[in-house]
Amino acid sequence: MLSLRGNLHHARRDLFGWLSVGQIPAIGFGVWLMLSLYERALWILELLLGVFIALGSLSMMLRPEPLARVSRPAAALGTGICGGVVGDLFAASGPVMGWFNYRQPISLAEIWATLFSCFALTTSVRTLYVGFDGGLIAQVRPYAGAGLSLVALITMAVRTFPPTRTRCS
């Protein structure tokens, strides 16, 4: 959320809206599916994770070509559903959401703000789902607090001292 401060106005509300409509119910399904597979068929969950990592790695080797026009709502909705499910099966919706957003013919500021908005949404909604299910037990809270503090400190440091841009050859 800190990374969005001062940049939220760049988010594409049309894309974010449809991505969100797909993500919110899919997050609940992804949490349920992950817990079910973990209890009943861990090997399937491990296999799906391996396939997801392999496909995500292969997709990083490709450069997405921007589309001629912004995707239709149905495409954003479908991407939101896929991102919500894999984001909660493996806590990694980045490849799905990133691939979709980087193909849009919009500015980098709009891509980043839309992606960060989606990540903030998925993290918040997933935390609520897990919390209501009783998953935020006392042993988890210190780790969550430490993680939030570390992310906040690094975000503030990067905003204060941005990395220099270098060209890869």
N, C-alpha and C. Protein backbone atom coordinates (compact mmCIF):
# COMPACT_ATOMS: atom_id res chain seq x y z
N MET A 1 0.82 -1.18 0.00
CA MET A 1 0.00 0.00 0.00
C MET A 1 0.87 1.26 0.00
N LEU A 2 2.01 1.17 0.68
CA LEU A 2 2.91 2.33 0.70
C LEU A 2 3.41 2.68 -0.69
N SER A 3 3.63 1.67 -1.51
CA SER A 3 4.14 1.93 -2.85
C SER A 3 3.10 2.63 -3.72
N LEU A 4 1.84 2.55 -3.35
CA LEU A 4 0.78 3.22 -4.12
C LEU A 4 0.61 4.68 -3.72
N ARG A 5 1.13 5.07 -2.57
CA ARG A 5 0.96 6.43 -2.10
C ARG A 5 1.50 7.43 -3.13
N GLY A 6 0.63 8.30 -3.57
CA GLY A 6 1.01 9.29 -4.57
C GLY A 6 0.93 8.79 -6.01
N ASN A 7 0.63 7.51 -6.18
CA ASN A 7 0.58 6.93 -7.52
C ASN A 7 -0.76 6.27 -7.85
N LEU A 8 -1.65 6.23 -6.90
CA LEU A 8 -2.92 5.53 -7.09
C LEU A 8 -3.72 6.11 -8.25
N HIS A 9 -3.59 7.40 -8.50
CA HIS A 9 -4.34 8.02 -9.59
C HIS A 9 -3.94 7.47 -10.97
N HIS A 10 -2.78 6.81 -11.04
CA HIS A 10 -2.34 6.23 -12.32
C HIS A 10 -3.05 4.91 -12.63
N ALA A 11 -3.61 4.26 -11.61
CA ALA A 11 -4.24 2.95 -11.82
C ALA A 11 -5.39 3.06 -12.81
N ARG A 12 -5.47 2.11 -13.72
CA ARG A 12 -6.56 2.07 -14.68
C ARG A 12 -7.77 1.49 -13.99
N ARG A 13 -8.72 2.34 -13.67
CA ARG A 13 -9.90 1.91 -12.92
C ARG A 13 -10.72 0.88 -13.69
N ASP A 14 -10.77 1.00 -15.00
CA ASP A 14 -11.54 0.03 -15.79
C ASP A 14 -10.93 -1.37 -15.69
N LEU A 15 -9.62 -1.47 -15.87
CA LEU A 15 -8.96 -2.77 -15.76
C LEU A 15 -9.00 -3.29 -14.33
N PHE A 16 -8.66 -2.43 -13.38
CA PHE A 16 -8.65 -2.84 -11.98
C PHE A 16 -10.03 -3.32 -11.54
N GLY A 17 -11.07 -2.64 -11.97
CA GLY A 17 -12.44 -3.02 -11.59
C GLY A 17 -12.77 -4.43 -12.04
N TRP A 18 -12.53 -4.74 -13.31
CA TRP A 18 -12.85 -6.07 -13.82
C TRP A 18 -11.92 -7.14 -13.27
N LEU A 19 -10.64 -6.81 -13.10
CA LEU A 19 -9.72 -7.76 -12.48
C LEU A 19 -10.18 -8.08 -11.06
N SER A 20 -10.63 -7.07 -10.33
CA SER A 20 -11.09 -7.25 -8.95
C SER A 20 -12.34 -8.10 -8.87
N VAL A 21 -13.28 -7.86 -9.78
CA VAL A 21 -14.52 -8.64 -9.79
C VAL A 21 -14.20 -10.12 -9.98
N GLY A 22 -13.18 -10.42 -10.76
CA GLY A 22 -12.77 -11.81 -10.94
C GLY A 22 -11.97 -12.35 -9.77
N GLN A 23 -11.11 -11.51 -9.20
CA GLN A 23 -10.21 -11.97 -8.14
C GLN A 23 -10.92 -12.28 -6.83
N ILE A 24 -11.82 -11.44 -6.40
CA ILE A 24 -12.37 -11.57 -5.05
C ILE A 24 -13.02 -12.93 -4.80
N PRO A 25 -13.95 -13.40 -5.65
CA PRO A 25 -14.49 -14.74 -5.38
C PRO A 25 -13.47 -15.85 -5.64
N ALA A 26 -12.56 -15.63 -6.60
CA ALA A 26 -11.56 -16.65 -6.93
C ALA A 26 -10.57 -16.84 -5.79
N ILE A 27 -10.32 -15.80 -5.02
CA ILE A 27 -9.42 -15.90 -3.88
C ILE A 27 -10.00 -16.89 -2.87
N GLY A 28 -11.29 -16.76 -2.57
CA GLY A 28 -11.94 -17.69 -1.65
C GLY A 28 -11.87 -19.12 -2.16
N PHE A 29 -12.12 -19.31 -3.45
CA PHE A 29 -12.04 -20.64 -4.05
C PHE A 29 -10.60 -21.17 -3.98
N GLY A 30 -9.61 -20.30 -4.26
CA GLY A 30 -8.21 -20.71 -4.22
C GLY A 30 -7.78 -21.13 -2.83
N VAL A 31 -8.22 -20.41 -1.80
CA VAL A 31 -7.90 -20.78 -0.42
C VAL A 31 -8.52 -22.13 -0.10
N TRP A 32 -9.81 -22.29 -0.45
CA TRP A 32 -10.50 -23.56 -0.19
C TRP A 32 -9.80 -24.71 -0.91
N LEU A 33 -9.45 -24.51 -2.19
CA LEU A 33 -8.80 -25.55 -2.97
C LEU A 33 -7.44 -25.92 -2.39
N MET A 34 -6.68 -24.92 -2.01
CA MET A 34 -5.36 -25.17 -1.43
C MET A 34 -5.47 -25.98 -0.15
N LEU A 35 -6.38 -25.60 0.73
CA LEU A 35 -6.55 -26.34 1.99
C LEU A 35 -7.06 -27.75 1.73
N SER A 36 -7.98 -27.91 0.79
CA SER A 36 -8.50 -29.24 0.46
C SER A 36 -7.42 -30.15 -0.10
N LEU A 37 -6.65 -29.63 -1.05
CA LEU A 37 -5.58 -30.44 -1.63
C LEU A 37 -4.49 -30.73 -0.62
N TYR A 38 -4.19 -29.78 0.25
CA TYR A 38 -3.16 -29.99 1.27
C TYR A 38 -3.56 -31.13 2.20
N GLU A 39 -4.84 -31.19 2.55
CA GLU A 39 -5.32 -32.23 3.47
C GLU A 39 -5.51 -33.57 2.80
N ARG A 40 -5.92 -33.59 1.52
CA ARG A 40 -6.34 -34.84 0.88
C ARG A 40 -5.39 -35.36 -0.19
N ALA A 41 -4.74 -34.47 -0.91
CA ALA A 41 -3.90 -34.91 -2.04
C ALA A 41 -2.75 -33.93 -2.23
N LEU A 42 -1.85 -33.94 -1.29
CA LEU A 42 -0.72 -33.01 -1.33
C LEU A 42 0.08 -33.15 -2.63
N TRP A 43 0.17 -34.34 -3.16
CA TRP A 43 0.96 -34.56 -4.38
C TRP A 43 0.38 -33.77 -5.55
N ILE A 44 -0.94 -33.61 -5.60
CA ILE A 44 -1.55 -32.82 -6.69
C ILE A 44 -1.17 -31.35 -6.53
N LEU A 45 -1.20 -30.87 -5.31
CA LEU A 45 -0.82 -29.48 -5.05
C LEU A 45 0.64 -29.26 -5.43
N GLU A 46 1.51 -30.20 -5.10
CA GLU A 46 2.93 -30.09 -5.45
C GLU A 46 3.13 -30.15 -6.97
N LEU A 47 2.38 -31.02 -7.63
CA LEU A 47 2.46 -31.11 -9.09
C LEU A 47 2.00 -29.81 -9.74
N LEU A 48 0.88 -29.27 -9.27
CA LEU A 48 0.38 -28.00 -9.81
C LEU A 48 1.39 -26.87 -9.58
N LEU A 49 2.03 -26.86 -8.43
CA LEU A 49 3.05 -25.84 -8.16
C LEU A 49 4.21 -25.98 -9.14
N GLY A 50 4.65 -27.20 -9.40
CA GLY A 50 5.74 -27.41 -10.36
C GLY A 50 5.37 -26.93 -11.76
N VAL A 51 4.15 -27.24 -12.19
CA VAL A 51 3.68 -26.80 -13.51
C VAL A 51 3.60 -25.28 -13.55
N PHE A 52 3.08 -24.68 -12.49
CA PHE A 52 2.97 -23.22 -12.41
C PHE A 52 4.34 -22.56 -12.48
N ILE A 53 5.31 -23.09 -11.76
CA ILE A 53 6.67 -22.53 -11.77
C ILE A 53 7.29 -22.67 -13.16
N ALA A 54 7.11 -23.84 -13.78
CA ALA A 54 7.68 -24.06 -15.11
C ALA A 54 7.05 -23.11 -16.13
N LEU A 55 5.73 -23.00 -16.13
CA LEU A 55 5.06 -22.10 -17.08
C LEU A 55 5.41 -20.64 -16.80
N GLY A 56 5.48 -20.27 -15.53
CA GLY A 56 5.86 -18.90 -15.19
C GLY A 56 7.27 -18.57 -15.64
N SER A 57 8.18 -19.53 -15.48
CA SER A 57 9.56 -19.34 -15.91
C SER A 57 9.65 -19.21 -17.43
N LEU A 58 8.92 -20.06 -18.13
CA LEU A 58 8.92 -19.98 -19.59
C LEU A 58 8.33 -18.66 -20.08
N SER A 59 7.30 -18.19 -19.40
CA SER A 59 6.68 -16.93 -19.83
C SER A 59 7.61 -15.74 -19.64
N MET A 60 8.55 -15.84 -18.68
CA MET A 60 9.49 -14.74 -18.47
C MET A 60 10.52 -14.64 -19.58
N MET A 61 10.68 -15.70 -20.33
CA MET A 61 11.62 -15.67 -21.44
C MET A 61 11.03 -14.94 -22.64
N LEU A 62 9.74 -14.79 -22.66
CA LEU A 62 9.06 -14.13 -23.77
C LEU A 62 8.81 -12.67 -23.43
N ARG A 63 8.87 -11.83 -24.40
CA ARG A 63 8.51 -10.43 -24.20
C ARG A 63 7.09 -10.23 -24.69
N PRO A 64 6.20 -9.87 -23.79
CA PRO A 64 4.82 -9.68 -24.25
C PRO A 64 4.71 -8.49 -25.19
N GLU A 65 4.09 -8.71 -26.32
CA GLU A 65 3.85 -7.62 -27.27
C GLU A 65 2.60 -6.87 -26.83
N PRO A 66 2.67 -5.54 -26.78
CA PRO A 66 1.46 -4.80 -26.41
C PRO A 66 0.33 -5.02 -27.41
N LEU A 67 -0.85 -5.07 -26.90
CA LEU A 67 -2.03 -5.22 -27.74
C LEU A 67 -2.32 -3.90 -28.46
N ALA A 68 -3.13 -3.97 -29.49
CA ALA A 68 -3.50 -2.76 -30.23
C ALA A 68 -4.43 -1.87 -29.40
N ARG A 69 -5.26 -2.49 -28.57
CA ARG A 69 -6.16 -1.71 -27.72
C ARG A 69 -6.31 -2.42 -26.38
N VAL A 70 -6.80 -1.70 -25.41
CA VAL A 70 -6.97 -2.25 -24.06
C VAL A 70 -7.93 -3.44 -24.11
N SER A 71 -7.63 -4.46 -23.35
CA SER A 71 -8.44 -5.68 -23.34
C SER A 71 -9.88 -5.41 -22.93
N ARG A 72 -10.75 -6.24 -23.43
CA ARG A 72 -12.17 -6.13 -23.09
C ARG A 72 -12.42 -6.58 -21.65
N PRO A 73 -13.53 -6.17 -21.09
CA PRO A 73 -13.84 -6.56 -19.70
C PRO A 73 -13.82 -8.07 -19.47
N ALA A 74 -14.29 -8.86 -20.42
CA ALA A 74 -14.31 -10.32 -20.24
C ALA A 74 -12.89 -10.87 -20.07
N ALA A 75 -11.93 -10.33 -20.81
CA ALA A 75 -10.54 -10.79 -20.68
C ALA A 75 -9.98 -10.41 -19.31
N ALA A 76 -10.28 -9.21 -18.84
CA ALA A 76 -9.81 -8.78 -17.52
C ALA A 76 -10.48 -9.62 -16.43
N LEU A 77 -11.75 -9.91 -16.59
CA LEU A 77 -12.47 -10.74 -15.62
C LEU A 77 -11.86 -12.14 -15.56
N GLY A 78 -11.61 -12.75 -16.72
CA GLY A 78 -10.99 -14.08 -16.76
C GLY A 78 -9.60 -14.09 -16.15
N THR A 79 -8.83 -13.04 -16.42
CA THR A 79 -7.49 -12.93 -15.84
C THR A 79 -7.58 -12.78 -14.33
N GLY A 80 -8.55 -11.99 -13.86
CA GLY A 80 -8.75 -11.84 -12.42
C GLY A 80 -9.07 -13.16 -11.76
N ILE A 81 -9.91 -13.96 -12.41
CA ILE A 81 -10.26 -15.27 -11.85
C ILE A 81 -9.02 -16.16 -11.78
N CYS A 82 -8.28 -16.25 -12.88
CA CYS A 82 -7.06 -17.06 -12.89
C CYS A 82 -6.04 -16.56 -11.86
N GLY A 83 -5.85 -15.25 -11.82
CA GLY A 83 -4.91 -14.67 -10.86
C GLY A 83 -5.34 -14.92 -9.43
N GLY A 84 -6.64 -14.85 -9.16
CA GLY A 84 -7.14 -15.10 -7.81
C GLY A 84 -6.92 -16.54 -7.38
N VAL A 85 -7.18 -17.48 -8.27
CA VAL A 85 -7.03 -18.90 -7.92
C VAL A 85 -5.55 -19.24 -7.70
N VAL A 86 -4.68 -18.94 -8.68
CA VAL A 86 -3.27 -19.30 -8.51
C VAL A 86 -2.60 -18.45 -7.44
N GLY A 87 -3.10 -17.24 -7.26
CA GLY A 87 -2.56 -16.38 -6.21
C GLY A 87 -2.81 -16.95 -4.83
N ASP A 88 -3.86 -17.72 -4.69
CA ASP A 88 -4.13 -18.29 -3.39
C ASP A 88 -3.74 -19.74 -3.27
N LEU A 89 -3.58 -20.40 -4.38
CA LEU A 89 -2.99 -21.74 -4.31
C LEU A 89 -1.51 -21.62 -3.95
N PHE A 90 -0.82 -20.66 -4.55
CA PHE A 90 0.63 -20.57 -4.41
C PHE A 90 1.11 -19.21 -3.90
N ALA A 91 0.20 -18.32 -3.52
CA ALA A 91 0.54 -16.97 -3.07
C ALA A 91 1.40 -16.25 -4.11
N ALA A 92 1.06 -16.44 -5.38
CA ALA A 92 1.86 -15.85 -6.45
C ALA A 92 0.99 -15.54 -7.67
N SER A 93 0.21 -14.49 -7.58
CA SER A 93 -0.60 -14.11 -8.74
C SER A 93 0.18 -13.24 -9.71
N GLY A 94 1.40 -12.87 -9.35
CA GLY A 94 2.21 -11.97 -10.15
C GLY A 94 2.38 -12.36 -11.60
N PRO A 95 2.74 -13.61 -11.91
CA PRO A 95 2.93 -13.96 -13.32
C PRO A 95 1.67 -13.75 -14.16
N VAL A 96 0.53 -14.16 -13.64
CA VAL A 96 -0.72 -14.02 -14.39
C VAL A 96 -1.09 -12.55 -14.56
N MET A 97 -1.08 -11.82 -13.46
CA MET A 97 -1.48 -10.41 -13.50
C MET A 97 -0.46 -9.57 -14.26
N GLY A 98 0.82 -9.88 -14.07
CA GLY A 98 1.86 -9.13 -14.77
C GLY A 98 1.79 -9.32 -16.27
N TRP A 99 1.66 -10.57 -16.70
CA TRP A 99 1.59 -10.84 -18.14
C TRP A 99 0.43 -10.09 -18.76
N PHE A 100 -0.73 -10.12 -18.13
CA PHE A 100 -1.91 -9.44 -18.66
C PHE A 100 -1.68 -7.93 -18.73
N ASN A 101 -1.22 -7.34 -17.64
CA ASN A 101 -1.08 -5.88 -17.58
C ASN A 101 0.02 -5.36 -18.50
N TYR A 102 1.12 -6.09 -18.62
CA TYR A 102 2.20 -5.62 -19.48
C TYR A 102 1.86 -5.72 -20.96
N ARG A 103 0.80 -6.43 -21.30
CA ARG A 103 0.37 -6.49 -22.70
C ARG A 103 -0.56 -5.34 -23.06
N GLN A 104 -1.02 -4.61 -22.07
CA GLN A 104 -1.95 -3.51 -22.34
C GLN A 104 -1.21 -2.32 -22.94
N PRO A 105 -1.82 -1.63 -23.89
CA PRO A 105 -1.17 -0.46 -24.51
C PRO A 105 -1.36 0.80 -23.64
N ILE A 106 -0.79 0.74 -22.43
CA ILE A 106 -0.90 1.84 -21.48
C ILE A 106 0.49 2.16 -20.95
N SER A 107 0.62 3.26 -20.25
CA SER A 107 1.93 3.69 -19.75
C SER A 107 2.42 2.78 -18.63
N LEU A 108 3.74 2.80 -18.42
CA LEU A 108 4.32 2.01 -17.33
C LEU A 108 3.76 2.43 -15.97
N ALA A 109 3.53 3.72 -15.78
CA ALA A 109 2.96 4.19 -14.51
C ALA A 109 1.58 3.57 -14.29
N GLU A 110 0.79 3.47 -15.35
CA GLU A 110 -0.54 2.87 -15.24
C GLU A 110 -0.44 1.36 -14.98
N ILE A 111 0.51 0.71 -15.63
CA ILE A 111 0.70 -0.74 -15.42
C ILE A 111 1.08 -0.99 -13.97
N TRP A 112 2.08 -0.28 -13.48
CA TRP A 112 2.54 -0.50 -12.12
C TRP A 112 1.46 -0.19 -11.09
N ALA A 113 0.78 0.92 -11.25
CA ALA A 113 -0.25 1.29 -10.27
C ALA A 113 -1.40 0.28 -10.29
N THR A 114 -1.76 -0.20 -11.47
CA THR A 114 -2.83 -1.20 -11.57
C THR A 114 -2.38 -2.51 -10.94
N LEU A 115 -1.15 -2.93 -11.21
CA LEU A 115 -0.63 -4.17 -10.61
C LEU A 115 -0.55 -4.06 -9.09
N PHE A 116 0.01 -2.97 -8.59
CA PHE A 116 0.12 -2.81 -7.14
C PHE A 116 -1.26 -2.76 -6.48
N SER A 117 -2.21 -2.16 -7.16
CA SER A 117 -3.58 -2.13 -6.63
C SER A 117 -4.14 -3.55 -6.54
N CYS A 118 -3.91 -4.34 -7.58
CA CYS A 118 -4.37 -5.74 -7.57
C CYS A 118 -3.69 -6.54 -6.46
N PHE A 119 -2.38 -6.34 -6.29
CA PHE A 119 -1.66 -7.07 -5.25
C PHE A 119 -2.14 -6.65 -3.85
N ALA A 120 -2.41 -5.37 -3.66
CA ALA A 120 -2.93 -4.91 -2.37
C ALA A 120 -4.29 -5.54 -2.10
N LEU A 121 -5.12 -5.60 -3.13
CA LEU A 121 -6.44 -6.20 -2.98
C LEU A 121 -6.33 -7.68 -2.62
N THR A 122 -5.55 -8.43 -3.39
CA THR A 122 -5.46 -9.87 -3.15
C THR A 122 -4.88 -10.18 -1.78
N THR A 123 -3.87 -9.43 -1.37
CA THR A 123 -3.27 -9.66 -0.06
C THR A 123 -4.27 -9.37 1.05
N SER A 124 -5.00 -8.28 0.93
CA SER A 124 -5.99 -7.91 1.95
C SER A 124 -7.13 -8.92 2.01
N VAL A 125 -7.68 -9.28 0.86
CA VAL A 125 -8.81 -10.20 0.83
C VAL A 125 -8.39 -11.59 1.31
N ARG A 126 -7.22 -12.04 0.89
CA ARG A 126 -6.74 -13.36 1.34
C ARG A 126 -6.54 -13.36 2.84
N THR A 127 -5.99 -12.30 3.39
CA THR A 127 -5.80 -12.22 4.83
C THR A 127 -7.13 -12.28 5.56
N LEU A 128 -8.14 -11.59 5.03
CA LEU A 128 -9.47 -11.63 5.65
C LEU A 128 -10.06 -13.04 5.59
N TYR A 129 -9.98 -13.69 4.42
CA TYR A 129 -10.49 -15.05 4.30
C TYR A 129 -9.81 -15.99 5.28
N VAL A 130 -8.49 -15.95 5.34
CA VAL A 130 -7.74 -16.83 6.23
C VAL A 130 -8.04 -16.48 7.69
N GLY A 131 -8.16 -15.19 7.98
CA GLY A 131 -8.47 -14.77 9.35
C GLY A 131 -9.83 -15.25 9.80
N PHE A 132 -10.83 -15.11 8.95
CA PHE A 132 -12.18 -15.57 9.30
C PHE A 132 -12.23 -17.09 9.44
N ASP A 133 -11.32 -17.78 8.75
CA ASP A 133 -11.27 -19.23 8.83
C ASP A 133 -10.47 -19.71 10.05
N GLY A 134 -9.89 -18.77 10.80
CA GLY A 134 -9.13 -19.13 11.99
C GLY A 134 -7.66 -19.38 11.73
N GLY A 135 -7.16 -19.01 10.56
CA GLY A 135 -5.77 -19.27 10.21
C GLY A 135 -4.76 -18.29 10.77
N LEU A 136 -5.23 -17.16 11.29
CA LEU A 136 -4.28 -16.18 11.83
C LEU A 136 -4.09 -16.44 13.33
N ILE A 137 -3.50 -17.57 13.63
CA ILE A 137 -3.30 -17.98 15.02
C ILE A 137 -2.17 -17.17 15.64
N ALA A 138 -2.05 -17.26 16.94
CA ALA A 138 -1.08 -16.45 17.68
C ALA A 138 0.35 -16.66 17.20
N GLN A 139 0.70 -17.88 16.78
CA GLN A 139 2.06 -18.14 16.33
C GLN A 139 2.39 -17.43 15.03
N VAL A 140 1.39 -17.08 14.24
CA VAL A 140 1.61 -16.43 12.95
C VAL A 140 1.79 -14.92 13.10
N ARG A 141 1.16 -14.34 14.08
CA ARG A 141 1.13 -12.88 14.22
C ARG A 141 2.51 -12.23 14.31
N PRO A 142 3.47 -12.77 15.10
CA PRO A 142 4.79 -12.11 15.12
C PRO A 142 5.47 -12.12 13.75
N TYR A 143 5.32 -13.21 13.00
CA TYR A 143 5.91 -13.27 11.67
C TYR A 143 5.24 -12.28 10.73
N ALA A 144 3.94 -12.17 10.83
CA ALA A 144 3.20 -11.20 10.00
C ALA A 144 3.64 -9.78 10.33
N GLY A 145 3.76 -9.47 11.61
CA GLY A 145 4.21 -8.14 12.02
C GLY A 145 5.61 -7.84 11.55
N ALA A 146 6.50 -8.81 11.67
CA ALA A 146 7.88 -8.62 11.20
C ALA A 146 7.92 -8.44 9.69
N GLY A 147 7.13 -9.25 8.98
CA GLY A 147 7.09 -9.14 7.52
C GLY A 147 6.55 -7.79 7.06
N LEU A 148 5.46 -7.34 7.68
CA LEU A 148 4.89 -6.03 7.33
C LEU A 148 5.87 -4.90 7.61
N SER A 149 6.56 -4.99 8.75
CA SER A 149 7.54 -3.96 9.10
C SER A 149 8.69 -3.92 8.10
N LEU A 150 9.17 -5.09 7.73
CA LEU A 150 10.28 -5.17 6.78
C LEU A 150 9.87 -4.62 5.41
N VAL A 151 8.70 -5.00 4.94
CA VAL A 151 8.22 -4.50 3.65
C VAL A 151 8.05 -2.98 3.70
N ALA A 152 7.50 -2.47 4.78
CA ALA A 152 7.31 -1.02 4.92
C ALA A 152 8.66 -0.29 4.91
N LEU A 153 9.64 -0.81 5.64
CA LEU A 153 10.96 -0.18 5.68
C LEU A 153 11.64 -0.19 4.31
N ILE A 154 11.58 -1.32 3.62
CA ILE A 154 12.22 -1.41 2.31
C ILE A 154 11.50 -0.51 1.31
N THR A 155 10.17 -0.46 1.37
CA THR A 155 9.42 0.42 0.47
C THR A 155 9.81 1.87 0.69
N MET A 156 9.89 2.29 1.95
CA MET A 156 10.28 3.68 2.24
C MET A 156 11.71 3.95 1.79
N ALA A 157 12.61 2.97 1.98
CA ALA A 157 14.00 3.15 1.56
C ALA A 157 14.11 3.29 0.04
N VAL A 158 13.37 2.47 -0.69
CA VAL A 158 13.43 2.53 -2.16
C VAL A 158 12.81 3.83 -2.67
N ARG A 159 11.77 4.31 -2.00
CA ARG A 159 11.18 5.59 -2.40
C ARG A 159 12.15 6.74 -2.12
N THR A 160 12.89 6.64 -1.04
CA THR A 160 13.84 7.70 -0.68
C THR A 160 15.12 7.61 -1.52
N PHE A 161 15.61 6.40 -1.72
CA PHE A 161 16.84 6.17 -2.48
C PHE A 161 16.55 5.22 -3.63
N PRO A 162 15.92 5.72 -4.70
CA PRO A 162 15.56 4.83 -5.81
C PRO A 162 16.80 4.22 -6.45
N PRO A 163 16.69 2.98 -6.91
CA PRO A 163 17.84 2.36 -7.58
C PRO A 163 18.14 3.05 -8.89
N THR A 164 19.40 3.03 -9.27
CA THR A 164 19.77 3.62 -10.56
C THR A 164 19.39 2.63 -11.65
N ARG A 165 19.01 3.18 -12.76
CA ARG A 165 18.62 2.33 -13.90
C ARG A 165 19.86 2.04 -14.73
N THR A 166 20.05 0.78 -15.04
CA THR A 166 21.16 0.40 -15.90
C THR A 166 20.59 -0.38 -17.08
N ARG A 167 21.30 -0.32 -18.16
CA ARG A 167 20.90 -1.08 -19.36
C ARG A 167 21.57 -2.43 -19.34
N CYS A 168 20.81 -3.43 -19.65
CA CYS A 168 21.37 -4.77 -19.82
C CYS A 168 21.85 -4.90 -21.25
N SER A 169 22.98 -5.51 -21.43
CA SER A 169 23.48 -5.67 -22.80
C SER A 169 23.16 -7.03 -23.34
